[in-house]
């Protein structure tokens, strides 16, 4: 038996149903890093045999993990640990950097990279005139080939004159150009996925998403980046440390 399963302790005489005990212990083990993103879990049958429980107990426990977004089931290939991000709200870091630090393989699926005229709200937030030009970026952010978020960025053309120069990390391109984002204001709210967003994020229409709006500034205080990211709540957490 996999030694990780040997660490699980189920009590058939306990007041808590076995499937709930199993789900909670597996959840804790996944959170503690016993299994890594993308790693396969045993089938219901093998899990039941390894722990001497019924297949119904194993199935209901895995159903609970799926509801929590901790695992994903791929028809025909098995059950796998889902990638999950826990992002600090107090540290300015790029999506690519955050994924790499956590051992994921980041990738962008580009939907749009072009120069355009800013919208009214974009112009106001970035302090641009009506005749200004902006770099408009729109892409799917993936971790280990799983869609984590839909991201839309708008930057003054003076900051990013060639939007197609961005292949992976926007912040890396800005730093290389000597125009790094030094600080940012970020607002997080919850929305329900529209039909278009649902298709892009690969979630059911109406499912809750986290909408993260970031306004980034250069070191001299010039607005440089307006990014709106629609994050999947089953894969994405935000964390803030409070002190007293």
Protein backbone atom coordinates (compact mmCIF):
# COMPACT_ATOMS: atom_id res chain seq x y z
CA UNK A 1 0.00 0.00 0.00
CA UNK A 2 1.13 3.54 -0.72
CA UNK A 3 2.59 4.79 2.58
CA UNK A 4 0.55 7.98 2.25
CA UNK A 5 -2.62 5.96 2.66
CA UNK A 6 -1.10 4.18 5.65
CA UNK A 7 -1.18 7.54 7.44
CA UNK A 8 -4.98 7.75 7.17
CA UNK A 9 -6.88 6.71 10.26
CA UNK A 10 -10.57 5.89 9.81
CA UNK A 11 -12.82 5.01 12.72
CA UNK A 12 -15.74 2.75 11.70
CA UNK A 13 -17.25 3.24 15.17
CA UNK A 14 -17.06 7.04 15.06
CA UNK A 15 -20.07 9.36 14.85
CA UNK A 16 -18.79 10.87 11.58
CA UNK A 17 -19.60 8.86 8.43
CA UNK A 18 -16.59 7.07 6.95
CA UNK A 19 -16.75 8.94 3.65
CA UNK A 20 -16.57 12.27 5.50
CA UNK A 21 -13.62 11.06 7.57
CA UNK A 22 -11.86 9.91 4.41
CA UNK A 23 -12.63 13.11 2.51
CA UNK A 24 -11.36 15.30 5.35
CA UNK A 25 -8.16 13.36 5.80
CA UNK A 26 -7.45 13.28 2.08
CA UNK A 27 -8.20 17.02 1.90
CA UNK A 28 -5.71 17.70 4.70
CA UNK A 29 -3.08 15.47 3.10
CA UNK A 30 -3.45 17.29 -0.24
CA UNK A 31 -3.25 20.70 1.47
CA UNK A 32 -0.11 19.52 3.31
CA UNK A 33 1.52 18.58 -0.01
CA UNK A 34 1.41 14.79 0.30
CA UNK A 35 0.21 14.74 -3.31
CA UNK A 36 1.42 17.18 -5.96
CA UNK A 37 -0.63 18.90 -8.68
CA UNK A 38 -1.17 16.58 -11.62
CA UNK A 39 -0.44 13.42 -9.64
CA UNK A 40 -2.92 10.59 -10.10
CA UNK A 41 -5.05 9.19 -7.29
CA UNK A 42 -6.06 5.51 -7.22
CA UNK A 43 -9.36 4.50 -8.77
CA UNK A 44 -12.39 4.15 -6.52
CA UNK A 45 -11.90 0.38 -6.51
CA UNK A 46 -8.20 0.53 -5.59
CA UNK A 47 -8.81 3.21 -2.99
CA UNK A 48 -11.56 1.11 -1.40
CA UNK A 49 -9.34 -1.97 -1.34
CA UNK A 50 -6.35 -0.09 0.10
CA UNK A 51 -8.38 1.34 2.97
CA UNK A 52 -10.76 -1.60 3.47
CA UNK A 53 -13.87 0.49 2.85
CA UNK A 54 -16.75 0.10 0.40
CA UNK A 55 -16.59 1.53 -3.09
CA UNK A 56 -19.55 3.74 -2.20
CA UNK A 57 -17.49 5.26 0.65
CA UNK A 58 -14.53 5.82 -1.67
CA UNK A 59 -16.77 7.32 -4.38
CA UNK A 60 -18.51 9.72 -1.99
CA UNK A 61 -15.16 10.86 -0.55
CA UNK A 62 -13.78 11.57 -4.03
CA UNK A 63 -17.02 13.35 -4.94
CA UNK A 64 -16.43 15.66 -1.98
CA UNK A 65 -12.86 16.40 -3.08
CA UNK A 66 -14.14 17.17 -6.57
CA UNK A 67 -16.71 19.60 -5.12
CA UNK A 68 -13.89 21.36 -3.26
CA UNK A 69 -11.87 21.65 -6.47
CA UNK A 70 -9.01 19.56 -5.08
CA UNK A 71 -9.21 16.87 -7.75
CA UNK A 72 -10.32 16.65 -11.35
CA UNK A 73 -11.64 13.63 -13.17
CA UNK A 74 -10.59 12.99 -16.73
CA UNK A 75 -12.87 10.47 -18.39
CA UNK A 76 -10.82 7.51 -19.55
CA UNK A 77 -7.59 8.54 -17.84
CA UNK A 78 -8.34 8.76 -14.11
CA UNK A 79 -8.49 11.15 -11.18
CA UNK A 80 -5.78 13.77 -10.65
CA UNK A 81 -4.81 16.35 -8.05
CA UNK A 82 -5.92 19.74 -9.35
CA UNK A 83 -3.53 22.69 -9.40
CA UNK A 84 -4.49 25.31 -6.80
CA UNK A 85 -3.04 28.75 -6.22
CA UNK A 86 -2.88 30.65 -2.95
CA UNK A 87 -1.93 34.22 -3.78
CA UNK A 88 -0.95 36.81 -1.21
CA UNK A 89 -2.83 40.11 -1.41
CA UNK A 90 0.14 41.99 0.05
CA UNK A 91 2.86 41.06 -2.46
CA UNK A 92 3.11 42.25 -6.06
CA UNK A 93 4.02 39.26 -8.21
CA UNK A 94 3.34 38.20 -11.77
CA UNK A 95 1.15 35.20 -12.56
CA UNK A 96 4.06 33.49 -14.34
CA UNK A 97 6.42 34.03 -11.39
CA UNK A 98 3.84 32.81 -8.89
CA UNK A 99 3.17 29.59 -10.83
CA UNK A 100 6.86 28.87 -11.38
CA UNK A 101 7.62 29.33 -7.68
CA UNK A 102 4.94 26.78 -6.82
CA UNK A 103 6.23 24.19 -9.26
CA UNK A 104 3.57 24.59 -11.97
CA UNK A 105 4.21 24.99 -15.68
CA UNK A 106 2.64 28.31 -16.78
CA UNK A 107 1.33 28.96 -20.26
CA UNK A 108 -0.72 31.63 -22.00
CA UNK A 109 -3.33 30.97 -24.65
CA UNK A 110 -3.56 34.31 -26.44
CA UNK A 111 -6.92 35.70 -27.49
CA UNK A 112 -5.80 39.22 -28.37
CA UNK A 113 -2.55 41.26 -28.60
CA UNK A 114 -2.88 44.58 -30.39
CA UNK A 115 -2.71 48.35 -30.21
CA UNK A 116 -6.08 50.07 -29.82
CA UNK A 117 -7.89 53.17 -28.62
CA UNK A 118 -8.67 53.16 -24.88
CA UNK A 119 -12.24 52.99 -23.63
CA UNK A 120 -13.60 55.78 -21.44
CA UNK A 121 -12.92 53.98 -18.14
CA UNK A 122 -9.49 52.82 -19.31
CA UNK A 123 -8.57 56.35 -20.29
CA UNK A 124 -9.71 57.73 -16.92
CA UNK A 125 -7.87 55.14 -14.85
CA UNK A 126 -4.68 55.37 -16.87
CA UNK A 127 -4.82 59.18 -17.20
CA UNK A 128 -4.89 59.11 -21.01
CA UNK A 129 -6.33 61.49 -23.56
CA UNK A 130 -8.92 60.55 -26.17
CA UNK A 131 -6.26 60.32 -28.89
CA UNK A 132 -3.98 58.01 -26.91
CA UNK A 133 -3.07 54.48 -27.90
CA UNK A 134 -2.94 51.45 -25.64
CA UNK A 135 -1.63 47.91 -25.80
CA UNK A 136 -4.54 45.53 -25.30
CA UNK A 137 -3.78 41.99 -24.11
CA UNK A 138 -6.33 39.21 -23.55
CA UNK A 139 -5.42 35.65 -22.73
CA UNK A 140 -6.20 32.48 -20.83
CA UNK A 141 -3.77 31.77 -17.99
CA UNK A 142 -3.02 28.06 -17.65
CA UNK A 143 -1.19 26.02 -15.02
CA UNK A 144 -0.15 22.54 -16.14
CA UNK A 145 -2.59 22.96 -19.06
CA UNK A 146 -5.56 23.73 -16.76
CA UNK A 147 -7.32 27.08 -17.33
CA UNK A 148 -6.97 29.06 -14.10
CA UNK A 149 -8.12 32.51 -15.20
CA UNK A 150 -9.13 34.82 -18.03
CA UNK A 151 -6.99 37.96 -18.07
CA UNK A 152 -7.48 41.30 -19.84
CA UNK A 153 -4.74 43.96 -19.67
CA UNK A 154 -4.55 47.50 -20.97
CA UNK A 155 -1.32 49.53 -20.91
CA UNK A 156 -0.35 52.89 -22.45
CA UNK A 157 1.55 52.42 -25.69
CA UNK A 158 4.30 54.55 -24.15
CA UNK A 159 4.81 51.77 -21.59
CA UNK A 160 4.30 48.81 -23.95
CA UNK A 161 4.69 49.91 -27.58
CA UNK A 162 4.70 46.35 -28.96
CA UNK A 163 2.08 44.11 -27.31
CA UNK A 164 3.31 41.08 -29.26
CA UNK A 165 6.57 41.30 -27.32
CA UNK A 166 4.72 39.69 -24.41
CA UNK A 167 4.95 35.93 -24.74
CA UNK A 168 4.75 34.81 -21.10
CA UNK A 169 5.34 37.31 -18.29
CA UNK A 170 4.14 40.88 -18.88
CA UNK A 171 6.09 42.10 -15.85
CA UNK A 172 9.32 40.53 -17.15
CA UNK A 173 8.92 42.44 -20.44
CA UNK A 174 8.29 45.70 -18.59
CA UNK A 175 11.30 45.16 -16.33
CA UNK A 176 13.52 44.43 -19.32
CA UNK A 177 12.32 47.71 -20.90
CA UNK A 178 13.18 49.64 -17.73
CA UNK A 179 9.53 50.31 -16.88
CA UNK A 180 8.67 47.88 -14.08
CA UNK A 181 5.41 48.14 -12.16
CA UNK A 182 6.52 49.27 -8.71
CA UNK A 183 3.20 49.19 -6.84
CA UNK A 184 -0.45 48.43 -7.52
CA UNK A 185 -3.93 48.83 -6.11
CA UNK A 186 -6.05 45.71 -6.32
CA UNK A 187 -9.79 45.24 -5.89
CA UNK A 188 -11.39 41.78 -5.56
CA UNK A 189 -15.08 41.08 -6.03
CA UNK A 190 -17.26 38.10 -6.93
CA UNK A 191 -19.25 37.80 -10.15
CA UNK A 192 -21.21 35.11 -11.98
CA UNK A 193 -19.70 33.88 -15.22
CA UNK A 194 -21.42 35.14 -18.35
CA UNK A 195 -21.86 32.77 -21.27
CA UNK A 196 -18.66 33.96 -22.95
CA UNK A 197 -16.59 33.88 -19.74
CA UNK A 198 -17.92 30.44 -18.88
CA UNK A 199 -16.75 29.03 -22.21
CA UNK A 200 -13.31 30.61 -21.86
CA UNK A 201 -12.81 29.59 -18.23
CA UNK A 202 -14.29 26.13 -18.85
CA UNK A 203 -16.90 26.45 -16.09
CA UNK A 204 -20.72 26.28 -16.11
CA UNK A 205 -22.50 29.51 -17.02
CA UNK A 206 -23.41 31.42 -13.86
CA UNK A 207 -20.65 29.86 -11.74
CA UNK A 208 -18.95 32.25 -9.33
CA UNK A 209 -15.64 33.77 -10.42
CA UNK A 210 -13.33 36.15 -8.59
CA UNK A 211 -12.90 39.41 -10.50
CA UNK A 212 -9.55 40.97 -9.64
CA UNK A 213 -8.96 44.51 -10.91
CA UNK A 214 -5.37 45.75 -10.64
CA UNK A 215 -4.12 49.28 -11.36
CA UNK A 216 -0.33 49.28 -11.49
CA UNK A 217 2.00 52.27 -11.27
CA UNK A 218 5.58 53.00 -12.28
CA UNK A 219 8.07 54.17 -9.64
CA UNK A 220 7.27 57.81 -10.44
CA UNK A 221 3.56 57.27 -9.82
CA UNK A 222 2.50 57.11 -13.48
CA UNK A 223 -0.40 54.68 -14.11
CA UNK A 224 1.04 51.90 -16.25
CA UNK A 225 -1.25 48.87 -16.18
CA UNK A 226 -4.95 48.15 -15.85
CA UNK A 227 -5.56 44.40 -15.61
CA UNK A 228 -8.83 42.61 -14.95
CA UNK A 229 -8.49 38.91 -14.14
CA UNK A 230 -11.42 36.52 -13.83
CA UNK A 231 -10.18 33.71 -11.57
CA UNK A 232 -11.75 30.28 -11.13
CA UNK A 233 -12.80 29.88 -7.52
CA UNK A 234 -12.23 26.12 -7.59
CA UNK A 235 -8.51 26.63 -8.23
CA UNK A 236 -7.75 30.08 -6.84
CA UNK A 237 -7.42 31.37 -3.27
CA UNK A 238 -6.34 34.78 -2.01
CA UNK A 239 -4.56 35.17 1.31
CA UNK A 240 -3.80 38.20 3.47
CA UNK A 241 -1.83 38.17 6.72
CA UNK A 242 -3.26 40.24 9.55
CA UNK A 243 -1.24 41.37 12.58
CA UNK A 244 -2.14 43.15 15.76
